[in-house]
PDB file of N, CA and C in Angstrom:
ATOM      1  N   UNK A   1     198.251 138.238 118.567  1.00  0.00           N
ATOM      2  CA  UNK A   1     198.161 139.415 119.406  1.00  0.00           C
ATOM      3  C   UNK A   1     199.574 139.919 119.702  1.00  0.00           C
ATOM      4  N   UNK A   2     199.772 141.228 119.633  1.00  0.00           N
ATOM      5  CA  UNK A   2     201.089 141.807 119.874  1.00  0.00           C
ATOM      6  C   UNK A   2     201.393 141.839 121.361  1.00  0.00           C
ATOM      7  N   UNK A   3     202.554 141.331 121.717  1.00  0.00           N
ATOM      8  CA  UNK A   3     202.994 141.289 123.110  1.00  0.00           C
ATOM      9  C   UNK A   3     204.384 141.900 123.173  1.00  0.00           C
ATOM     10  N   UNK A   4     204.647 142.815 124.127  1.00  0.00           N
ATOM     11  CA  UNK A   4     205.973 143.405 124.212  1.00  0.00           C
ATOM     12  C   UNK A   4     207.032 142.363 124.554  1.00  0.00           C
ATOM     13  N   UNK A   5     208.201 142.491 123.914  1.00  0.00           N
ATOM     14  CA  UNK A   5     209.276 141.529 124.152  1.00  0.00           C
ATOM     15  C   UNK A   5     209.982 141.805 125.482  1.00  0.00           C
ATOM     16  N   UNK A   6     210.078 143.091 125.851  1.00  0.00           N
ATOM     17  CA  UNK A   6     210.769 143.466 127.082  1.00  0.00           C
ATOM     18  C   UNK A   6     209.869 144.359 127.928  1.00  0.00           C
ATOM     19  N   UNK A   7     210.142 144.371 129.227  1.00  0.00           N
ATOM     20  CA  UNK A   7     209.417 145.256 130.145  1.00  0.00           C
ATOM     21  C   UNK A   7     209.798 146.705 129.849  1.00  0.00           C
ATOM     22  N   UNK A   8     208.816 147.605 129.862  1.00  0.00           N
ATOM     23  CA  UNK A   8     209.077 149.027 129.648  1.00  0.00           C
ATOM     24  C   UNK A   8     209.781 149.588 130.880  1.00  0.00           C
ATOM     25  N   UNK A   9     210.917 150.238 130.648  1.00  0.00           N
ATOM     26  CA  UNK A   9     211.687 150.778 131.768  1.00  0.00           C
ATOM     27  C   UNK A   9     210.976 151.994 132.353  1.00  0.00           C
ATOM     28  N   UNK A  10     211.265 152.315 133.623  1.00  0.00           N
ATOM     29  CA  UNK A  10     210.639 153.499 134.230  1.00  0.00           C
ATOM     30  C   UNK A  10     210.942 154.792 133.479  1.00  0.00           C
ATOM     31  N   UNK A  11     212.143 154.889 132.890  1.00  0.00           N
ATOM     32  CA  UNK A  11     212.491 156.091 132.141  1.00  0.00           C
ATOM     33  C   UNK A  11     211.600 156.238 130.904  1.00  0.00           C
ATOM     34  N   UNK A  12     211.444 155.154 130.144  1.00  0.00           N
ATOM     35  CA  UNK A  12     210.599 155.214 128.942  1.00  0.00           C
ATOM     36  C   UNK A  12     209.140 155.466 129.308  1.00  0.00           C
ATOM     37  N   UNK A  13     208.711 154.884 130.410  1.00  0.00           N
ATOM     38  CA  UNK A  13     207.342 155.117 130.875  1.00  0.00           C
ATOM     39  C   UNK A  13     207.165 156.587 131.239  1.00  0.00           C
ATOM     40  N   UNK A  14     208.192 157.179 131.861  1.00  0.00           N
ATOM     41  CA  UNK A  14     208.144 158.596 132.204  1.00  0.00           C
ATOM     42  C   UNK A  14     208.108 159.489 130.984  1.00  0.00           C
ATOM     43  N   UNK A  15     208.862 159.122 129.942  1.00  0.00           N
ATOM     44  CA  UNK A  15     208.830 159.882 128.697  1.00  0.00           C
ATOM     45  C   UNK A  15     207.420 159.911 128.121  1.00  0.00           C
ATOM     46  N   UNK A  16     206.768 158.759 128.161  1.00  0.00           N
ATOM     47  CA  UNK A  16     205.430 158.653 127.594  1.00  0.00           C
ATOM     48  C   UNK A  16     204.423 159.470 128.397  1.00  0.00           C
ATOM     49  N   UNK A  17     204.609 159.507 129.713  1.00  0.00           N
ATOM     50  CA  UNK A  17     203.647 160.185 130.572  1.00  0.00           C
ATOM     51  C   UNK A  17     203.971 161.659 130.793  1.00  0.00           C
ATOM     52  N   UNK A  18     205.031 162.156 130.194  1.00  0.00           N
ATOM     53  CA  UNK A  18     205.436 163.537 130.441  1.00  0.00           C
ATOM     54  C   UNK A  18     204.388 164.531 129.940  1.00  0.00           C
ATOM     55  N   UNK A  19     203.635 164.160 128.916  1.00  0.00           N
ATOM     56  CA  UNK A  19     202.625 165.066 128.375  1.00  0.00           C
ATOM     57  C   UNK A  19     201.408 165.180 129.290  1.00  0.00           C
ATOM     58  N   UNK A  20     201.272 164.283 130.262  1.00  0.00           N
ATOM     59  CA  UNK A  20     200.126 164.343 131.173  1.00  0.00           C
ATOM     60  C   UNK A  20     200.173 165.593 132.049  1.00  0.00           C
ATOM     61  N   UNK A  21     201.366 166.138 132.281  1.00  0.00           N
ATOM     62  CA  UNK A  21     201.519 167.276 133.180  1.00  0.00           C
ATOM     63  C   UNK A  21     201.295 168.614 132.477  1.00  0.00           C
ATOM     64  N   UNK A  22     201.099 168.616 131.158  1.00  0.00           N
ATOM     65  CA  UNK A  22     200.920 169.869 130.433  1.00  0.00           C
ATOM     66  C   UNK A  22     199.599 170.525 130.837  1.00  0.00           C
ATOM     67  N   UNK A  23     199.626 171.847 130.980  1.00  0.00           N
ATOM     68  CA  UNK A  23     198.430 172.597 131.355  1.00  0.00           C
ATOM     69  C   UNK A  23     198.121 173.622 130.269  1.00  0.00           C
ATOM     70  N   UNK A  24     196.931 174.131 130.289  1.00  0.00           N
ATOM     71  CA  UNK A  24     196.538 175.146 129.321  1.00  0.00           C
ATOM     72  C   UNK A  24     197.333 176.434 129.560  1.00  0.00           C
ATOM     73  N   UNK A  25     197.658 177.179 128.500  1.00  0.00           N
ATOM     74  CA  UNK A  25     198.438 178.408 128.690  1.00  0.00           C
ATOM     75  C   UNK A  25     197.672 179.453 129.487  1.00  0.00           C
ATOM     76  N   UNK A  26     198.397 180.204 130.305  1.00  0.00           N
ATOM     77  CA  UNK A  26     197.788 181.219 131.163  1.00  0.00           C
ATOM     78  C   UNK A  26     197.580 182.505 130.365  1.00  0.00           C
ATOM     79  N   UNK A  27     196.542 183.213 130.693  1.00  0.00           N
ATOM     80  CA  UNK A  27     196.261 184.514 130.089  1.00  0.00           C
ATOM     81  C   UNK A  27     196.011 185.513 131.209  1.00  0.00           C
ATOM     82  N   UNK A  28     196.431 186.757 130.987  1.00  0.00           N
ATOM     83  CA  UNK A  28     196.195 187.824 131.948  1.00  0.00           C
ATOM     84  C   UNK A  28     195.430 188.935 131.239  1.00  0.00           C
ATOM     85  N   UNK A  29     194.709 189.703 132.024  1.00  0.00           N
ATOM     86  CA  UNK A  29     193.975 190.833 131.465  1.00  0.00           C
ATOM     87  C   UNK A  29     194.914 192.029 131.384  1.00  0.00           C
ATOM     88  N   UNK A  30     195.002 192.637 130.205  1.00  0.00           N
ATOM     89  CA  UNK A  30     195.878 193.789 130.013  1.00  0.00           C
ATOM     90  C   UNK A  30     195.338 194.977 130.800  1.00  0.00           C
ATOM     91  N   UNK A  31     196.251 195.704 131.473  1.00  0.00           N
ATOM     92  CA  UNK A  31     195.823 196.818 132.318  1.00  0.00           C
ATOM     93  C   UNK A  31     195.253 197.974 131.507  1.00  0.00           C
ATOM     94  N   UNK A  32     195.826 198.225 130.331  1.00  0.00           N
ATOM     95  CA  UNK A  32     195.400 199.378 129.534  1.00  0.00           C
ATOM     96  C   UNK A  32     194.167 199.082 128.686  1.00  0.00           C
ATOM     97  N   UNK A  33     194.235 198.008 127.885  1.00  0.00           N
ATOM     98  CA  UNK A  33     193.148 197.746 126.941  1.00  0.00           C
ATOM     99  C   UNK A  33     192.084 196.809 127.492  1.00  0.00           C
ATOM    100  N   UNK A  34     192.407 196.025 128.525  1.00  0.00           N
ATOM    101  CA  UNK A  34     191.436 195.082 129.060  1.00  0.00           C
ATOM    102  C   UNK A  34     191.351 193.791 128.272  1.00  0.00           C
ATOM    103  N   UNK A  35     192.173 193.662 127.216  1.00  0.00           N
ATOM    104  CA  UNK A  35     192.177 192.448 126.400  1.00  0.00           C
ATOM    105  C   UNK A  35     192.975 191.349 127.111  1.00  0.00           C
ATOM    106  N   UNK A  36     192.644 190.093 126.789  1.00  0.00           N
ATOM    107  CA  UNK A  36     193.420 188.981 127.313  1.00  0.00           C
ATOM    108  C   UNK A  36     194.671 188.798 126.459  1.00  0.00           C
ATOM    109  N   UNK A  37     195.806 188.577 127.125  1.00  0.00           N
ATOM    110  CA  UNK A  37     197.069 188.334 126.428  1.00  0.00           C
ATOM    111  C   UNK A  37     197.914 187.403 127.278  1.00  0.00           C
ATOM    112  N   UNK A  38     198.932 186.802 126.650  1.00  0.00           N
ATOM    113  CA  UNK A  38     199.855 185.935 127.367  1.00  0.00           C
ATOM    114  C   UNK A  38     200.782 186.780 128.228  1.00  0.00           C
ATOM    115  N   UNK A  39     201.184 186.290 129.401  1.00  0.00           N
ATOM    116  CA  UNK A  39     202.142 187.037 130.209  1.00  0.00           C
ATOM    117  C   UNK A  39     203.482 187.167 129.483  1.00  0.00           C
ATOM    118  N   UNK A  40     204.138 188.311 129.636  1.00  0.00           N
ATOM    119  CA  UNK A  40     205.439 188.596 129.031  1.00  0.00           C
ATOM    120  C   UNK A  40     205.380 188.601 127.509  1.00  0.00           C
ATOM    121  N   UNK A  41     204.236 188.902 126.923  1.00  0.00           N
ATOM    122  CA  UNK A  41     204.095 188.994 125.479  1.00  0.00           C
ATOM    123  C   UNK A  41     203.549 190.378 125.117  1.00  0.00           C
ATOM    124  N   UNK A  42     203.790 190.776 123.889  1.00  0.00           N
ATOM    125  CA  UNK A  42     203.300 192.064 123.388  1.00  0.00           C
ATOM    126  C   UNK A  42     201.797 191.975 123.182  1.00  0.00           C
ATOM    127  N   UNK A  43     201.079 193.040 123.530  1.00  0.00           N
ATOM    128  CA  UNK A  43     199.652 193.135 123.219  1.00  0.00           C
ATOM    129  C   UNK A  43     199.552 193.530 121.753  1.00  0.00           C
ATOM    130  N   UNK A  44     199.137 192.604 120.896  1.00  0.00           N
ATOM    131  CA  UNK A  44     199.152 192.846 119.456  1.00  0.00           C
ATOM    132  C   UNK A  44     198.133 193.895 119.023  1.00  0.00           C
ATOM    133  N   UNK A  45     197.089 194.083 119.803  1.00  0.00           N
ATOM    134  CA  UNK A  45     196.080 195.061 119.425  1.00  0.00           C
ATOM    135  C   UNK A  45     196.596 196.491 119.566  1.00  0.00           C
ATOM    136  N   UNK A  46     197.317 196.754 120.662  1.00  0.00           N
ATOM    137  CA  UNK A  46     197.823 198.104 120.901  1.00  0.00           C
ATOM    138  C   UNK A  46     199.300 198.246 120.578  1.00  0.00           C
ATOM    139  N   UNK A  47     200.055 197.143 120.523  1.00  0.00           N
ATOM    140  CA  UNK A  47     201.484 197.205 120.257  1.00  0.00           C
ATOM    141  C   UNK A  47     202.310 197.600 121.460  1.00  0.00           C
ATOM    142  N   UNK A  48     201.737 197.529 122.660  1.00  0.00           N
ATOM    143  CA  UNK A  48     202.433 197.942 123.874  1.00  0.00           C
ATOM    144  C   UNK A  48     203.056 196.731 124.563  1.00  0.00           C
ATOM    145  N   UNK A  49     204.216 196.965 125.197  1.00  0.00           N
ATOM    146  CA  UNK A  49     204.858 195.955 126.029  1.00  0.00           C
ATOM    147  C   UNK A  49     205.506 196.670 127.196  1.00  0.00           C
ATOM    148  N   UNK A  50     205.075 196.335 128.392  1.00  0.00           N
ATOM    149  CA  UNK A  50     205.585 196.917 129.641  1.00  0.00           C
ATOM    150  C   UNK A  50     205.552 198.442 129.617  1.00  0.00           C
ATOM    151  N   UNK A  51     204.452 198.996 129.113  1.00  0.00           N
ATOM    152  CA  UNK A  51     204.258 200.438 129.137  1.00  0.00           C
ATOM    153  C   UNK A  51     204.930 201.186 128.005  1.00  0.00           C
ATOM    154  N   UNK A  52     205.603 200.480 127.093  1.00  0.00           N
ATOM    155  CA  UNK A  52     206.269 201.135 125.973  1.00  0.00           C
ATOM    156  C   UNK A  52     205.623 200.724 124.662  1.00  0.00           C
ATOM    157  N   UNK A  53     205.599 201.654 123.689  1.00  0.00           N
ATOM    158  CA  UNK A  53     205.079 201.352 122.366  1.00  0.00           C
ATOM    159  C   UNK A  53     206.165 200.613 121.580  1.00  0.00           C
ATOM    160  N   UNK A  54     205.939 199.329 121.276  1.00  0.00           N
ATOM    161  CA  UNK A  54     206.940 198.507 120.600  1.00  0.00           C
ATOM    162  C   UNK A  54     206.598 198.322 119.134  1.00  0.00           C
ATOM    163  N   UNK A  55     205.324 198.089 118.836  1.00  0.00           N
ATOM    164  CA  UNK A  55     204.858 197.896 117.464  1.00  0.00           C
ATOM    165  C   UNK A  55     203.817 198.950 117.125  1.00  0.00           C
ATOM    166  N   UNK A  56     203.590 199.112 115.844  1.00  0.00           N
ATOM    167  CA  UNK A  56     202.486 199.983 115.428  1.00  0.00           C
ATOM    168  C   UNK A  56     201.179 199.297 115.779  1.00  0.00           C
ATOM    169  N   UNK A  57     200.158 200.063 116.222  1.00  0.00           N
ATOM    170  CA  UNK A  57     198.872 199.443 116.547  1.00  0.00           C
ATOM    171  C   UNK A  57     198.263 198.760 115.347  1.00  0.00           C
ATOM    172  N   UNK A  58     197.562 197.663 115.609  1.00  0.00           N
ATOM    173  CA  UNK A  58     196.939 196.875 114.542  1.00  0.00           C
ATOM    174  C   UNK A  58     195.753 197.628 113.959  1.00  0.00           C
ATOM    175  N   UNK A  59     195.671 197.684 112.658  1.00  0.00           N
ATOM    176  CA  UNK A  59     194.536 198.342 111.990  1.00  0.00           C
ATOM    177  C   UNK A  59     193.382 197.355 111.916  1.00  0.00           C
ATOM    178  N   UNK A  60     192.189 197.774 112.357  1.00  0.00           N
ATOM    179  CA  UNK A  60     191.058 196.852 112.324  1.00  0.00           C
ATOM    180  C   UNK A  60     190.077 197.174 111.249  1.00  0.00           C
TER     181      UNK A  60
END
């Protein structure tokens, strides 16, 4: 049976447990299109960002 040779330090234990605090990404409803998008990201469907046209609208 495998047995650790040394005690795991608190720092290494913290490194291992750091992923426990991760949460699902947040989404907000776009004011213009009503689509869900990430905060501070371009709405890919309309190409708008903060009220300005940044990209060409996506062709569906």
